[in-house]
Amino acid sequence: MSDSTYTISQAQARLPSLVKEDSFAISVHGEIKGFYLSKQRLEAMLESLELMENPDFTVALKAHQSGRAKTYTVAQLDEKFSA
């Protein structure tokens, strides 16, 4: 994510090039008043929120983070599910 912050005047002047960025903030008198997020960034955030609402996913994520999750190679999965 970008750490770019622009004044409202800068943002107005550079908008065509700024929208190519992943994200940026707009400030007025030194105070951040708004944010721009690209379509891809917003979709990724929404997908993450949807995953976090899934109890099975959160259990699997916690198991993975703690090192308790079992991992498989693609070959092992092919063997297991092709039978």
PDB file of N, CA and C in Angstrom:
ATOM      1  N   MET A   1       0.854  -1.176   0.000  1.00  0.00           N
ATOM      2  CA  MET A   1       0.000   0.000   0.000  1.00  0.00           C
ATOM      3  C   MET A   1       0.898   1.236   0.000  1.00  0.00           C
ATOM      4  N   SER A   2       0.462   2.231  -0.708  1.00  0.00           N
ATOM      5  CA  SER A   2       1.251   3.452  -0.860  1.00  0.00           C
ATOM      6  C   SER A   2       1.183   4.312   0.402  1.00  0.00           C
ATOM      7  N   ASP A   3       2.264   5.014   0.652  1.00  0.00           N
ATOM      8  CA  ASP A   3       2.290   5.973   1.763  1.00  0.00           C
ATOM      9  C   ASP A   3       2.144   7.399   1.249  1.00  0.00           C
ATOM     10  N   SER A   4       1.667   7.559   0.034  1.00  0.00           N
ATOM     11  CA  SER A   4       1.584   8.874  -0.589  1.00  0.00           C
ATOM     12  C   SER A   4       0.418   9.684  -0.045  1.00  0.00           C
ATOM     13  N   THR A   5       0.705  10.935   0.282  1.00  0.00           N
ATOM     14  CA  THR A   5      -0.325  11.874   0.698  1.00  0.00           C
ATOM     15  C   THR A   5      -0.171  13.129  -0.140  1.00  0.00           C
ATOM     16  N   TYR A   6      -1.295  13.614  -0.657  1.00  0.00           N
ATOM     17  CA  TYR A   6      -1.288  14.799  -1.504  1.00  0.00           C
ATOM     18  C   TYR A   6      -2.277  15.808  -0.951  1.00  0.00           C
ATOM     19  N   THR A   7      -1.955  17.090  -1.126  1.00  0.00           N
ATOM     20  CA  THR A   7      -2.936  18.115  -0.779  1.00  0.00           C
ATOM     21  C   THR A   7      -4.052  18.036  -1.812  1.00  0.00           C
ATOM     22  N   ILE A   8      -5.172  18.629  -1.496  1.00  0.00           N
ATOM     23  CA  ILE A   8      -6.286  18.577  -2.434  1.00  0.00           C
ATOM     24  C   ILE A   8      -5.918  19.258  -3.751  1.00  0.00           C
ATOM     25  N   SER A   9      -5.138  20.329  -3.693  1.00  0.00           N
ATOM     26  CA  SER A   9      -4.698  21.016  -4.919  1.00  0.00           C
ATOM     27  C   SER A   9      -3.791  20.123  -5.755  1.00  0.00           C
ATOM     28  N   GLN A  10      -2.850  19.443  -5.098  1.00  0.00           N
ATOM     29  CA  GLN A  10      -1.966  18.521  -5.804  1.00  0.00           C
ATOM     30  C   GLN A  10      -2.771  17.384  -6.440  1.00  0.00           C
ATOM     31  N   ALA A  11      -3.719  16.846  -5.692  1.00  0.00           N
ATOM     32  CA  ALA A  11      -4.531  15.739  -6.192  1.00  0.00           C
ATOM     33  C   ALA A  11      -5.353  16.172  -7.405  1.00  0.00           C
ATOM     34  N   GLN A  12      -5.929  17.358  -7.345  1.00  0.00           N
ATOM     35  CA  GLN A  12      -6.714  17.860  -8.476  1.00  0.00           C
ATOM     36  C   GLN A  12      -5.841  18.004  -9.720  1.00  0.00           C
ATOM     37  N   ALA A  13      -4.653  18.531  -9.534  1.00  0.00           N
ATOM     38  CA  ALA A  13      -3.762  18.769 -10.668  1.00  0.00           C
ATOM     39  C   ALA A  13      -3.212  17.477 -11.262  1.00  0.00           C
ATOM     40  N   ARG A  14      -3.024  16.457 -10.425  1.00  0.00           N
ATOM     41  CA  ARG A  14      -2.367  15.227 -10.868  1.00  0.00           C
ATOM     42  C   ARG A  14      -3.298  14.030 -10.956  1.00  0.00           C
ATOM     43  N   LEU A  15      -4.593  14.230 -10.862  1.00  0.00           N
ATOM     44  CA  LEU A  15      -5.535  13.120 -10.790  1.00  0.00           C
ATOM     45  C   LEU A  15      -5.355  12.071 -11.894  1.00  0.00           C
ATOM     46  N   PRO A  16      -5.195  12.450 -13.155  1.00  0.00           N
ATOM     47  CA  PRO A  16      -5.036  11.411 -14.185  1.00  0.00           C
ATOM     48  C   PRO A  16      -3.867  10.453 -13.918  1.00  0.00           C
ATOM     49  N   SER A  17      -2.775  10.956 -13.372  1.00  0.00           N
ATOM     50  CA  SER A  17      -1.644  10.070 -13.071  1.00  0.00           C
ATOM     51  C   SER A  17      -1.806   9.402 -11.709  1.00  0.00           C
ATOM     52  N   LEU A  18      -2.468  10.066 -10.775  1.00  0.00           N
ATOM     53  CA  LEU A  18      -2.631   9.492  -9.438  1.00  0.00           C
ATOM     54  C   LEU A  18      -3.501   8.236  -9.435  1.00  0.00           C
ATOM     55  N   VAL A  19      -4.504   8.190 -10.299  1.00  0.00           N
ATOM     56  CA  VAL A  19      -5.390   7.025 -10.278  1.00  0.00           C
ATOM     57  C   VAL A  19      -4.688   5.758 -10.755  1.00  0.00           C
ATOM     58  N   LYS A  20      -3.478   5.889 -11.256  1.00  0.00           N
ATOM     59  CA  LYS A  20      -2.682   4.710 -11.614  1.00  0.00           C
ATOM     60  C   LYS A  20      -2.023   4.103 -10.381  1.00  0.00           C
ATOM     61  N   GLU A  21      -2.007   4.845  -9.270  1.00  0.00           N
ATOM     62  CA  GLU A  21      -1.425   4.351  -8.025  1.00  0.00           C
ATOM     63  C   GLU A  21      -2.392   3.383  -7.349  1.00  0.00           C
ATOM     64  N   ASP A  22      -1.853   2.559  -6.476  1.00  0.00           N
ATOM     65  CA  ASP A  22      -2.658   1.592  -5.730  1.00  0.00           C
ATOM     66  C   ASP A  22      -3.548   2.289  -4.710  1.00  0.00           C
ATOM     67  N   SER A  23      -2.994   3.308  -4.082  1.00  0.00           N
ATOM     68  CA  SER A  23      -3.752   4.051  -3.074  1.00  0.00           C
ATOM     69  C   SER A  23      -3.019   5.346  -2.752  1.00  0.00           C
ATOM     70  N   PHE A  24      -3.765   6.315  -2.245  1.00  0.00           N
ATOM     71  CA  PHE A  24      -3.150   7.548  -1.758  1.00  0.00           C
ATOM     72  C   PHE A  24      -4.147   8.265  -0.871  1.00  0.00           C
ATOM     73  N   ALA A  25      -3.635   9.192  -0.088  1.00  0.00           N
ATOM     74  CA  ALA A  25      -4.473   9.985   0.809  1.00  0.00           C
ATOM     75  C   ALA A  25      -4.520  11.417   0.314  1.00  0.00           C
ATOM     76  N   ILE A  26      -5.608  12.113   0.659  1.00  0.00           N
ATOM     77  CA  ILE A  26      -5.765  13.520   0.314  1.00  0.00           C
ATOM     78  C   ILE A  26      -5.914  14.295   1.612  1.00  0.00           C
ATOM     79  N   SER A  27      -5.108  15.353   1.721  1.00  0.00           N
ATOM     80  CA  SER A  27      -5.146  16.154   2.942  1.00  0.00           C
ATOM     81  C   SER A  27      -5.608  17.577   2.651  1.00  0.00           C
ATOM     82  N   VAL A  28      -6.192  18.176   3.666  1.00  0.00           N
ATOM     83  CA  VAL A  28      -6.604  19.575   3.624  1.00  0.00           C
ATOM     84  C   VAL A  28      -6.027  20.225   4.873  1.00  0.00           C
ATOM     85  N   HIS A  29      -5.201  21.243   4.683  1.00  0.00           N
ATOM     86  CA  HIS A  29      -4.540  21.936   5.795  1.00  0.00           C
ATOM     87  C   HIS A  29      -3.809  20.955   6.720  1.00  0.00           C
ATOM     88  N   GLY A  30      -3.124  19.982   6.101  1.00  0.00           N
ATOM     89  CA  GLY A  30      -2.315  19.031   6.850  1.00  0.00           C
ATOM     90  C   GLY A  30      -3.079  17.881   7.486  1.00  0.00           C
ATOM     91  N   GLU A  31      -4.383  17.853   7.362  1.00  0.00           N
ATOM     92  CA  GLU A  31      -5.195  16.783   7.954  1.00  0.00           C
ATOM     93  C   GLU A  31      -5.753  15.895   6.837  1.00  0.00           C
ATOM     94  N   ILE A  32      -5.526  14.585   6.965  1.00  0.00           N
ATOM     95  CA  ILE A  32      -6.029  13.664   5.951  1.00  0.00           C
ATOM     96  C   ILE A  32      -7.550  13.647   6.003  1.00  0.00           C
ATOM     97  N   LYS A  33      -8.148  13.900   4.844  1.00  0.00           N
ATOM     98  CA  LYS A  33      -9.610  13.974   4.739  1.00  0.00           C
ATOM     99  C   LYS A  33     -10.203  12.823   3.940  1.00  0.00           C
ATOM    100  N   GLY A  34      -9.392  12.148   3.139  1.00  0.00           N
ATOM    101  CA  GLY A  34      -9.934  11.070   2.326  1.00  0.00           C
ATOM    102  C   GLY A  34      -8.846  10.182   1.771  1.00  0.00           C
ATOM    103  N   PHE A  35      -9.290   9.046   1.221  1.00  0.00           N
ATOM    104  CA  PHE A  35      -8.375   8.068   0.649  1.00  0.00           C
ATOM    105  C   PHE A  35      -8.876   7.628  -0.711  1.00  0.00           C
ATOM    106  N   TYR A  36      -7.951   7.281  -1.563  1.00  0.00           N
ATOM    107  CA  TYR A  36      -8.271   6.634  -2.828  1.00  0.00           C
ATOM    108  C   TYR A  36      -7.715   5.228  -2.754  1.00  0.00           C
ATOM    109  N   LEU A  37      -8.537   4.249  -3.120  1.00  0.00           N
ATOM    110  CA  LEU A  37      -8.095   2.865  -3.229  1.00  0.00           C
ATOM    111  C   LEU A  37      -8.415   2.391  -4.634  1.00  0.00           C
ATOM    112  N   SER A  38      -7.465   1.739  -5.277  1.00  0.00           N
ATOM    113  CA  SER A  38      -7.709   1.212  -6.613  1.00  0.00           C
ATOM    114  C   SER A  38      -8.762   0.112  -6.531  1.00  0.00           C
ATOM    115  N   LYS A  39      -9.356  -0.178  -7.663  1.00  0.00           N
ATOM    116  CA  LYS A  39     -10.362  -1.243  -7.729  1.00  0.00           C
ATOM    117  C   LYS A  39      -9.765  -2.568  -7.249  1.00  0.00           C
ATOM    118  N   GLN A  40      -8.540  -2.863  -7.663  1.00  0.00           N
ATOM    119  CA  GLN A  40      -7.894  -4.111  -7.257  1.00  0.00           C
ATOM    120  C   GLN A  40      -7.670  -4.163  -5.750  1.00  0.00           C
ATOM    121  N   ARG A  41      -7.232  -3.045  -5.168  1.00  0.00           N
ATOM    122  CA  ARG A  41      -6.991  -2.994  -3.717  1.00  0.00           C
ATOM    123  C   ARG A  41      -8.293  -3.194  -2.960  1.00  0.00           C
ATOM    124  N   LEU A  42      -9.356  -2.527  -3.409  1.00  0.00           N
ATOM    125  CA  LEU A  42     -10.652  -2.650  -2.740  1.00  0.00           C
ATOM    126  C   LEU A  42     -11.195  -4.065  -2.846  1.00  0.00           C
ATOM    127  N   GLU A  43     -11.076  -4.678  -4.017  1.00  0.00           N
ATOM    128  CA  GLU A  43     -11.538  -6.061  -4.183  1.00  0.00           C
ATOM    129  C   GLU A  43     -10.762  -7.006  -3.273  1.00  0.00           C
ATOM    130  N   ALA A  44      -9.461  -6.796  -3.147  1.00  0.00           N
ATOM    131  CA  ALA A  44      -8.642  -7.648  -2.273  1.00  0.00           C
ATOM    132  C   ALA A  44      -9.065  -7.489  -0.810  1.00  0.00           C
ATOM    133  N   MET A  45      -9.354  -6.260  -0.408  1.00  0.00           N
ATOM    134  CA  MET A  45      -9.793  -6.025   0.973  1.00  0.00           C
ATOM    135  C   MET A  45     -11.143  -6.688   1.237  1.00  0.00           C
ATOM    136  N   LEU A  46     -12.066  -6.580   0.286  1.00  0.00           N
ATOM    137  CA  LEU A  46     -13.378  -7.210   0.453  1.00  0.00           C
ATOM    138  C   LEU A  46     -13.258  -8.729   0.504  1.00  0.00           C
ATOM    139  N   GLU A  47     -12.401  -9.289  -0.320  1.00  0.00           N
ATOM    140  CA  GLU A  47     -12.179 -10.729  -0.296  1.00  0.00           C
ATOM    141  C   GLU A  47     -11.610 -11.172   1.052  1.00  0.00           C
ATOM    142  N   SER A  48     -10.677 -10.388   1.575  1.00  0.00           N
ATOM    143  CA  SER A  48     -10.105 -10.714   2.888  1.00  0.00           C
ATOM    144  C   SER A  48     -11.171 -10.667   3.976  1.00  0.00           C
ATOM    145  N   LEU A  49     -12.047  -9.667   3.928  1.00  0.00           N
ATOM    146  CA  LEU A  49     -13.131  -9.578   4.913  1.00  0.00           C
ATOM    147  C   LEU A  49     -14.070 -10.772   4.816  1.00  0.00           C
ATOM    148  N   GLU A  50     -14.391 -11.174   3.586  1.00  0.00           N
ATOM    149  CA  GLU A  50     -15.260 -12.337   3.404  1.00  0.00           C
ATOM    150  C   GLU A  50     -14.609 -13.589   3.979  1.00  0.00           C
ATOM    151  N   LEU A  51     -13.323 -13.752   3.743  1.00  0.00           N
ATOM    152  CA  LEU A  51     -12.622 -14.918   4.290  1.00  0.00           C
ATOM    153  C   LEU A  51     -12.615 -14.900   5.815  1.00  0.00           C
ATOM    154  N   MET A  52     -12.390 -13.734   6.395  1.00  0.00           N
ATOM    155  CA  MET A  52     -12.324 -13.636   7.848  1.00  0.00           C
ATOM    156  C   MET A  52     -13.678 -13.913   8.508  1.00  0.00           C
ATOM    157  N   GLU A  53     -14.775 -13.771   7.745  1.00  0.00           N
ATOM    158  CA  GLU A  53     -16.100 -14.082   8.282  1.00  0.00           C
ATOM    159  C   GLU A  53     -16.390 -15.578   8.256  1.00  0.00           C
ATOM    160  N   ASN A  54     -15.582 -16.352   7.555  1.00  0.00           N
ATOM    161  CA  ASN A  54     -15.783 -17.794   7.429  1.00  0.00           C
ATOM    162  C   ASN A  54     -15.088 -18.495   8.595  1.00  0.00           C
ATOM    163  N   PRO A  55     -15.873 -19.104   9.511  1.00  0.00           N
ATOM    164  CA  PRO A  55     -15.266 -19.746  10.687  1.00  0.00           C
ATOM    165  C   PRO A  55     -14.269 -20.848  10.326  1.00  0.00           C
ATOM    166  N   ASP A  56     -14.533 -21.622   9.267  1.00  0.00           N
ATOM    167  CA  ASP A  56     -13.606 -22.681   8.864  1.00  0.00           C
ATOM    168  C   ASP A  56     -12.271 -22.090   8.419  1.00  0.00           C
ATOM    169  N   PHE A  57     -12.337 -20.972   7.712  1.00  0.00           N
ATOM    170  CA  PHE A  57     -11.105 -20.330   7.267  1.00  0.00           C
ATOM    171  C   PHE A  57     -10.295 -19.813   8.450  1.00  0.00           C
ATOM    172  N   THR A  58     -10.967 -19.173   9.406  1.00  0.00           N
ATOM    173  CA  THR A  58     -10.226 -18.610  10.536  1.00  0.00           C
ATOM    174  C   THR A  58      -9.587 -19.711  11.374  1.00  0.00           C
ATOM    175  N   VAL A  59     -10.261 -20.850  11.515  1.00  0.00           N
ATOM    176  CA  VAL A  59      -9.662 -21.984  12.246  1.00  0.00           C
ATOM    177  C   VAL A  59      -8.427 -22.479  11.491  1.00  0.00           C
ATOM    178  N   ALA A  60      -8.557 -22.621  10.161  1.00  0.00           N
ATOM    179  CA  ALA A  60      -7.425 -23.091   9.354  1.00  0.00           C
ATOM    180  C   ALA A  60      -6.278 -22.090   9.376  1.00  0.00           C
ATOM    181  N   LEU A  61      -6.581 -20.812   9.332  1.00  0.00           N
ATOM    182  CA  LEU A  61      -5.548 -19.783   9.369  1.00  0.00           C
ATOM    183  C   LEU A  61      -4.795 -19.806  10.697  1.00  0.00           C
ATOM    184  N   LYS A  62      -5.526 -19.920  11.794  1.00  0.00           N
ATOM    185  CA  LYS A  62      -4.874 -19.984  13.106  1.00  0.00           C
ATOM    186  C   LYS A  62      -4.005 -21.229  13.227  1.00  0.00           C
ATOM    187  N   ALA A  63      -4.488 -22.354  12.691  1.00  0.00           N
ATOM    188  CA  ALA A  63      -3.685 -23.582  12.722  1.00  0.00           C
ATOM    189  C   ALA A  63      -2.414 -23.407  11.902  1.00  0.00           C
ATOM    190  N   HIS A  64      -2.527 -22.777  10.764  1.00  0.00           N
ATOM    191  CA  HIS A  64      -1.358 -22.531   9.920  1.00  0.00           C
ATOM    192  C   HIS A  64      -0.356 -21.612  10.626  1.00  0.00           C
ATOM    193  N   GLN A  65      -0.863 -20.523  11.204  1.00  0.00           N
ATOM    194  CA  GLN A  65       0.016 -19.562  11.870  1.00  0.00           C
ATOM    195  C   GLN A  65       0.728 -20.163  13.078  1.00  0.00           C
ATOM    196  N   SER A  66       0.086 -21.103  13.735  1.00  0.00           N
ATOM    197  CA  SER A  66       0.698 -21.719  14.917  1.00  0.00           C
ATOM    198  C   SER A  66       1.593 -22.906  14.559  1.00  0.00           C
ATOM    199  N   GLY A  67       1.599 -23.287  13.282  1.00  0.00           N
ATOM    200  CA  GLY A  67       2.425 -24.415  12.858  1.00  0.00           C
ATOM    201  C   GLY A  67       1.742 -25.755  13.034  1.00  0.00           C
ATOM    202  N   ARG A  68       0.474 -25.770  13.396  1.00  0.00           N
ATOM    203  CA  ARG A  68      -0.248 -27.025  13.607  1.00  0.00           C
ATOM    204  C   ARG A  68      -0.903 -27.566  12.341  1.00  0.00           C
ATOM    205  N   ALA A  69      -0.973 -26.779  11.303  1.00  0.00           N
ATOM    206  CA  ALA A  69      -1.639 -27.216  10.074  1.00  0.00           C
ATOM    207  C   ALA A  69      -0.759 -28.199   9.316  1.00  0.00           C
ATOM    208  N   LYS A  70      -1.384 -29.203   8.732  1.00  0.00           N
ATOM    209  CA  LYS A  70      -0.660 -30.171   7.926  1.00  0.00           C
ATOM    210  C   LYS A  70      -0.647 -29.681   6.494  1.00  0.00           C
ATOM    211  N   THR A  71       0.486 -29.777   5.836  1.00  0.00           N
ATOM    212  CA  THR A  71       0.592 -29.349   4.446  1.00  0.00           C
ATOM    213  C   THR A  71       0.812 -30.564   3.555  1.00  0.00           C
ATOM    214  N   TYR A  72       0.401 -30.423   2.308  1.00  0.00           N
ATOM    215  CA  TYR A  72       0.514 -31.495   1.326  1.00  0.00           C
ATOM    216  C   TYR A  72       1.142 -30.947   0.057  1.00  0.00           C
ATOM    217  N   THR A  73       1.860 -31.802  -0.642  1.00  0.00           N
ATOM    218  CA  THR A  73       2.354 -31.432  -1.960  1.00  0.00           C
ATOM    219  C   THR A  73       1.222 -31.637  -2.957  1.00  0.00           C
ATOM    220  N   VAL A  74       1.368 -31.074  -4.134  1.00  0.00           N
ATOM    221  CA  VAL A  74       0.361 -31.262  -5.180  1.00  0.00           C
ATOM    222  C   VAL A  74       0.258 -32.745  -5.530  1.00  0.00           C
ATOM    223  N   ALA A  75       1.395 -33.421  -5.599  1.00  0.00           N
ATOM    224  CA  ALA A  75       1.388 -34.852  -5.912  1.00  0.00           C
ATOM    225  C   ALA A  75       0.605 -35.645  -4.864  1.00  0.00           C
ATOM    226  N   GLN A  76       0.779 -35.307  -3.577  1.00  0.00           N
ATOM    227  CA  GLN A  76       0.041 -35.994  -2.516  1.00  0.00           C
ATOM    228  C   GLN A  76      -1.466 -35.739  -2.652  1.00  0.00           C
ATOM    229  N   LEU A  77      -1.852 -34.538  -2.983  1.00  0.00           N
ATOM    230  CA  LEU A  77      -3.271 -34.230  -3.159  1.00  0.00           C
ATOM    231  C   LEU A  77      -3.836 -34.949  -4.372  1.00  0.00           C
ATOM    232  N   ASP A  78      -3.079 -34.980  -5.455  1.00  0.00           N
ATOM    233  CA  ASP A  78      -3.521 -35.714  -6.647  1.00  0.00           C
ATOM    234  C   ASP A  78      -3.753 -37.180  -6.327  1.00  0.00           C
ATOM    235  N   GLU A  79      -2.823 -37.752  -5.596  1.00  0.00           N
ATOM    236  CA  GLU A  79      -2.935 -39.164  -5.222  1.00  0.00           C
ATOM    237  C   GLU A  79      -4.149 -39.400  -4.324  1.00  0.00           C
ATOM    238  N   LYS A  80      -4.339 -38.527  -3.372  1.00  0.00           N
ATOM    239  CA  LYS A  80      -5.435 -38.695  -2.415  1.00  0.00           C
ATOM    240  C   LYS A  80      -6.806 -38.546  -3.079  1.00  0.00           C
ATOM    241  N   PHE A  81      -6.935 -37.599  -3.997  1.00  0.00           N
ATOM    242  CA  PHE A  81      -8.258 -37.303  -4.563  1.00  0.00           C
ATOM    243  C   PHE A  81      -8.502 -37.963  -5.913  1.00  0.00           C
ATOM    244  N   SER A  82      -7.526 -38.645  -6.481  1.00  0.00           N
ATOM    245  CA  SER A  82      -7.748 -39.302  -7.756  1.00  0.00           C
ATOM    246  C   SER A  82      -8.274 -40.720  -7.593  1.00  0.00           C
ATOM    247  N   ALA A  83      -8.241 -41.208  -6.390  1.00  0.00           N
ATOM    248  CA  ALA A  83      -8.700 -42.596  -6.141  1.00  0.00           C
ATOM    249  C   ALA A  83     -10.202 -42.707  -6.155  1.00  0.00           C
TER     250      ALA A  83
END
